PDB file of N, CA and C in Angstrom:
ATOM      1  N   LEU A   1     -39.535  67.329 118.833  1.00  0.00           N
ATOM      2  CA  LEU A   1     -39.063  67.346 117.177  1.00  0.00           C
ATOM      3  C   LEU A   1     -39.090  68.718 116.409  1.00  0.00           C
ATOM      4  N   GLU A   2     -40.126  68.942 117.223  1.00  0.00           N
ATOM      5  CA  GLU A   2     -40.843  70.695 116.037  1.00  0.00           C
ATOM      6  C   GLU A   2     -39.534  71.564 116.878  1.00  0.00           C
ATOM      7  N   ARG A   3     -39.063  71.893 117.491  1.00  0.00           N
ATOM      8  CA  ARG A   3     -38.834  72.792 118.045  1.00  0.00           C
ATOM      9  C   ARG A   3     -37.219  72.506 117.476  1.00  0.00           C
ATOM     10  N   LEU A   4     -36.111  71.228 117.388  1.00  0.00           N
ATOM     11  CA  LEU A   4     -34.933  70.891 117.466  1.00  0.00           C
ATOM     12  C   LEU A   4     -34.965  70.527 116.078  1.00  0.00           C
ATOM     13  N   THR A   5     -35.630  70.357 115.513  1.00  0.00           N
ATOM     14  CA  THR A   5     -35.729  69.972 113.346  1.00  0.00           C
ATOM     15  C   THR A   5     -35.233  71.460 113.360  1.00  0.00           C
ATOM     16  N   ALA A   6     -34.341  71.645 112.613  1.00  0.00           N
ATOM     17  CA  ALA A   6     -34.302  73.587 111.491  1.00  0.00           C
ATOM     18  C   ALA A   6     -35.071  73.915 110.119  1.00  0.00           C
ATOM     19  N   GLN A   7     -34.921  74.762 109.818  1.00  0.00           N
ATOM     20  CA  GLN A   7     -36.417  75.985 109.067  1.00  0.00           C
ATOM     21  C   GLN A   7     -35.870  74.947 108.173  1.00  0.00           C
ATOM     22  N   ASN A   8     -36.307  74.453 106.524  1.00  0.00           N
ATOM     23  CA  ASN A   8     -35.360  73.337 105.803  1.00  0.00           C
ATOM     24  C   ASN A   8     -35.540  72.181 105.929  1.00  0.00           C
ATOM     25  N   GLY A   9     -34.915  71.986 107.747  1.00  0.00           N
ATOM     26  CA  GLY A   9     -35.136  70.657 107.431  1.00  0.00           C
ATOM     27  C   GLY A   9     -35.740  69.298 107.663  1.00  0.00           C
ATOM     28  N   THR A  10     -34.734  68.084 107.305  1.00  0.00           N
ATOM     29  CA  THR A  10     -36.164  66.540 106.889  1.00  0.00           C
ATOM     30  C   THR A  10     -36.521  66.418 108.210  1.00  0.00           C
ATOM     31  N   LEU A  11     -37.181  65.868 108.599  1.00  0.00           N
ATOM     32  CA  LEU A  11     -38.078  65.292 109.584  1.00  0.00           C
ATOM     33  C   LEU A  11     -38.274  63.601 109.627  1.00  0.00           C
ATOM     34  N   ILE A  12     -37.586  62.638 109.571  1.00  0.00           N
ATOM     35  CA  ILE A  12     -38.353  61.505 108.833  1.00  0.00           C
ATOM     36  C   ILE A  12     -38.149  60.454 110.564  1.00  0.00           C
ATOM     37  N   LEU A  13     -39.774  59.524 110.527  1.00  0.00           N
ATOM     38  CA  LEU A  13     -40.612  58.949 111.428  1.00  0.00           C
ATOM     39  C   LEU A  13     -40.086  57.689 110.838  1.00  0.00           C
ATOM     40  N   SER A  14     -40.423  56.399 111.731  1.00  0.00           N
ATOM     41  CA  SER A  14     -39.970  55.089 111.278  1.00  0.00           C
ATOM     42  C   SER A  14     -40.728  54.300 112.311  1.00  0.00           C
ATOM     43  N   GLY A  15     -41.373  52.581 111.904  1.00  0.00           N
ATOM     44  CA  GLY A  15     -40.994  51.350 112.916  1.00  0.00           C
ATOM     45  C   GLY A  15     -43.315  52.557 113.082  1.00  0.00           C
ATOM     46  N   LEU A  16     -43.579  52.988 112.619  1.00  0.00           N
ATOM     47  CA  LEU A  16     -44.770  53.558 112.276  1.00  0.00           C
ATOM     48  C   LEU A  16     -45.928  53.150 112.020  1.00  0.00           C
ATOM     49  N   ILE A  17     -46.893  51.726 112.143  1.00  0.00           N
ATOM     50  CA  ILE A  17     -47.809  51.191 112.133  1.00  0.00           C
ATOM     51  C   ILE A  17     -48.422  51.444 111.140  1.00  0.00           C
ATOM     52  N   HIS A  18     -48.773  51.285 110.205  1.00  0.00           N
ATOM     53  CA  HIS A  18     -49.956  52.393 109.185  1.00  0.00           C
ATOM     54  C   HIS A  18     -51.345  51.493 109.288  1.00  0.00           C
ATOM     55  N   GLY A  19     -51.949  52.707 109.055  1.00  0.00           N
ATOM     56  CA  GLY A  19     -53.209  53.321 109.527  1.00  0.00           C
ATOM     57  C   GLY A  19     -53.781  54.829 109.669  1.00  0.00           C
ATOM     58  N   ASP A  20     -54.561  55.086 111.032  1.00  0.00           N
ATOM     59  CA  ASP A  20     -54.876  55.933 111.897  1.00  0.00           C
ATOM     60  C   ASP A  20     -53.255  55.941 112.407  1.00  0.00           C
ATOM     61  N   GLN A  21     -53.015  55.335 112.628  1.00  0.00           N
ATOM     62  CA  GLN A  21     -51.746  56.055 113.979  1.00  0.00           C
ATOM     63  C   GLN A  21     -51.126  56.943 112.827  1.00  0.00           C
ATOM     64  N   THR A  22     -50.089  56.580 111.391  1.00  0.00           N
ATOM     65  CA  THR A  22     -49.682  57.199 110.507  1.00  0.00           C
ATOM     66  C   THR A  22     -50.523  58.711 110.654  1.00  0.00           C
ATOM     67  N   THR A  23     -51.276  58.515 109.990  1.00  0.00           N
ATOM     68  CA  THR A  23     -53.088  59.684 109.834  1.00  0.00           C
ATOM     69  C   THR A  23     -53.491  60.490 110.591  1.00  0.00           C
ATOM     70  N   SER A  24     -52.723  60.506 111.399  1.00  0.00           N
ATOM     71  CA  SER A  24     -52.152  60.821 113.057  1.00  0.00           C
ATOM     72  C   SER A  24     -51.708  62.455 113.065  1.00  0.00           C
ATOM     73  N   ILE A  25     -50.485  60.641 113.060  1.00  0.00           N
ATOM     74  CA  ILE A  25     -49.506  62.236 113.007  1.00  0.00           C
ATOM     75  C   ILE A  25     -49.304  62.594 111.956  1.00  0.00           C
ATOM     76  N   ALA A  26     -49.052  61.957 111.468  1.00  0.00           N
ATOM     77  CA  ALA A  26     -49.146  63.148 109.268  1.00  0.00           C
ATOM     78  C   ALA A  26     -49.519  64.504 109.910  1.00  0.00           C
ATOM     79  N   ASP A  27     -51.497  64.338 110.248  1.00  0.00           N
ATOM     80  CA  ASP A  27     -51.483  65.285 110.616  1.00  0.00           C
ATOM     81  C   ASP A  27     -51.308  66.621 111.247  1.00  0.00           C
ATOM     82  N   ARG A  28     -50.774  66.096 112.279  1.00  0.00           N
ATOM     83  CA  ARG A  28     -50.857  66.643 113.918  1.00  0.00           C
ATOM     84  C   ARG A  28     -49.304  67.772 113.055  1.00  0.00           C
ATOM     85  N   PHE A  29     -48.066  67.521 112.438  1.00  0.00           N
ATOM     86  CA  PHE A  29     -46.963  67.886 112.007  1.00  0.00           C
ATOM     87  C   PHE A  29     -47.133  69.220 110.708  1.00  0.00           C
ATOM     88  N   THR A  30     -48.334  68.955 110.051  1.00  0.00           N
ATOM     89  CA  THR A  30     -48.751  69.193 109.148  1.00  0.00           C
ATOM     90  C   THR A  30     -49.662  70.041 109.489  1.00  0.00           C
ATOM     91  N   SER A  31     -50.394  69.949 110.744  1.00  0.00           N
ATOM     92  CA  SER A  31     -50.665  71.619 111.338  1.00  0.00           C
ATOM     93  C   SER A  31     -49.571  72.670 112.415  1.00  0.00           C
ATOM     94  N   ARG A  32     -48.097  71.874 111.839  1.00  0.00           N
ATOM     95  CA  ARG A  32     -47.614  72.302 112.793  1.00  0.00           C
ATOM     96  C   ARG A  32     -46.338  73.062 111.889  1.00  0.00           C
ATOM     97  N   GLY A  33     -46.126  72.814 110.916  1.00  0.00           N
ATOM     98  CA  GLY A  33     -45.818  73.534 109.674  1.00  0.00           C
ATOM     99  C   GLY A  33     -45.232  72.923 108.812  1.00  0.00           C
ATOM    100  N   PHE A  34     -45.230  71.284 109.133  1.00  0.00           N
ATOM    101  CA  PHE A  34     -43.916  70.230 108.976  1.00  0.00           C
ATOM    102  C   PHE A  34     -44.883  69.640 107.184  1.00  0.00           C
ATOM    103  N   SER A  35     -44.196  69.507 106.140  1.00  0.00           N
ATOM    104  CA  SER A  35     -44.851  68.848 104.657  1.00  0.00           C
ATOM    105  C   SER A  35     -44.403  67.783 105.090  1.00  0.00           C
ATOM    106  N   LEU A  36     -46.182  67.169 104.253  1.00  0.00           N
ATOM    107  CA  LEU A  36     -45.550  65.691 104.262  1.00  0.00           C
ATOM    108  C   LEU A  36     -44.961  65.496 102.733  1.00  0.00           C
ATOM    109  N   MET A  37     -43.686  65.522 102.458  1.00  0.00           N
ATOM    110  CA  MET A  37     -42.561  64.417 101.573  1.00  0.00           C
ATOM    111  C   MET A  37     -43.435  63.491 100.456  1.00  0.00           C
ATOM    112  N   GLN A  38     -43.374  62.471 101.965  1.00  0.00           N
ATOM    113  CA  GLN A  38     -42.842  61.074 100.809  1.00  0.00           C
ATOM    114  C   GLN A  38     -43.568  59.985 102.240  1.00  0.00           C
ATOM    115  N   GLU A  39     -44.362  59.708 101.350  1.00  0.00           N
ATOM    116  CA  GLU A  39     -44.269  57.907 103.542  1.00  0.00           C
ATOM    117  C   GLU A  39     -43.986  56.284 102.204  1.00  0.00           C
ATOM    118  N   GLU A  40     -43.791  55.746 102.559  1.00  0.00           N
ATOM    119  CA  GLU A  40     -43.296  54.687 102.143  1.00  0.00           C
ATOM    120  C   GLU A  40     -44.116  53.879 103.175  1.00  0.00           C
ATOM    121  N   GLN A  41     -44.414  52.223 102.299  1.00  0.00           N
ATOM    122  CA  GLN A  41     -44.899  51.640 103.107  1.00  0.00           C
ATOM    123  C   GLN A  41     -44.563  50.123 102.981  1.00  0.00           C
ATOM    124  N   GLU A  42     -43.835  48.736 104.297  1.00  0.00           N
ATOM    125  CA  GLU A  42     -44.294  47.761 103.712  1.00  0.00           C
ATOM    126  C   GLU A  42     -44.402  47.413 104.587  1.00  0.00           C
ATOM    127  N   LYS A  43     -45.599  45.702 104.601  1.00  0.00           N
ATOM    128  CA  LYS A  43     -45.931  45.536 105.012  1.00  0.00           C
ATOM    129  C   LYS A  43     -46.774  46.192 106.231  1.00  0.00           C
ATOM    130  N   GLU A  44     -47.388  46.262 107.188  1.00  0.00           N
ATOM    131  CA  GLU A  44     -47.711  47.158 108.104  1.00  0.00           C
ATOM    132  C   GLU A  44     -46.925  48.547 108.752  1.00  0.00           C
ATOM    133  N   TRP A  45     -46.136  47.764 108.250  1.00  0.00           N
ATOM    134  CA  TRP A  45     -44.791  49.839 109.639  1.00  0.00           C
ATOM    135  C   TRP A  45     -45.026  50.814 107.939  1.00  0.00           C
ATOM    136  N   SER A  46     -44.680  52.187 108.470  1.00  0.00           N
ATOM    137  CA  SER A  46     -44.967  52.722 107.151  1.00  0.00           C
ATOM    138  C   SER A  46     -43.736  53.819 107.993  1.00  0.00           C
ATOM    139  N   VAL A  47     -43.110  54.328 107.413  1.00  0.00           N
ATOM    140  CA  VAL A  47     -41.925  55.541 107.399  1.00  0.00           C
ATOM    141  C   VAL A  47     -42.651  57.246 106.618  1.00  0.00           C
ATOM    142  N   LEU A  48     -42.575  58.137 108.148  1.00  0.00           N
ATOM    143  CA  LEU A  48     -43.058  59.636 107.047  1.00  0.00           C
ATOM    144  C   LEU A  48     -41.603  60.348 106.942  1.00  0.00           C
ATOM    145  N   ARG A  49     -41.595  61.037 106.186  1.00  0.00           N
ATOM    146  CA  ARG A  49     -40.385  62.120 105.920  1.00  0.00           C
ATOM    147  C   ARG A  49     -41.371  63.308 105.881  1.00  0.00           C
ATOM    148  N   PHE A  50     -40.863  64.386 106.409  1.00  0.00           N
ATOM    149  CA  PHE A  50     -42.085  65.756 106.142  1.00  0.00           C
ATOM    150  C   PHE A  50     -40.042  67.026 106.332  1.00  0.00           C
ATOM    151  N   ILE A  51     -40.307  68.063 105.189  1.00  0.00           N
ATOM    152  CA  ILE A  51     -40.029  69.543 105.294  1.00  0.00           C
ATOM    153  C   ILE A  51     -39.985  70.026 106.507  1.00  0.00           C
ATOM    154  N   LYS A  52     -40.034  71.846 107.219  1.00  0.00           N
ATOM    155  CA  LYS A  52     -40.224  71.425 108.322  1.00  0.00           C
ATOM    156  C   LYS A  52     -39.902  73.415 107.179  1.00  0.00           C
ATOM    157  N   ARG A  53     -41.351  73.844 107.119  1.00  0.00           N
ATOM    158  CA  ARG A  53     -40.913  74.668 106.942  1.00  0.00           C
ATOM    159  C   ARG A  53     -41.702  76.061 106.658  1.00  0.00           C
TER     160      ARG A  53
END
């Protein structure tokens, strides 16, 4: 996904279980040049929206 996302492009990851899974994924992508712009949660499900810097 990192290679396929253009500079300043948006990456949306959905269907994630809120909690440890979202934290782990957010940490992984922010350490690879993405900025977490938004997190939405409904019950136990989450969506993360990143911008590639």
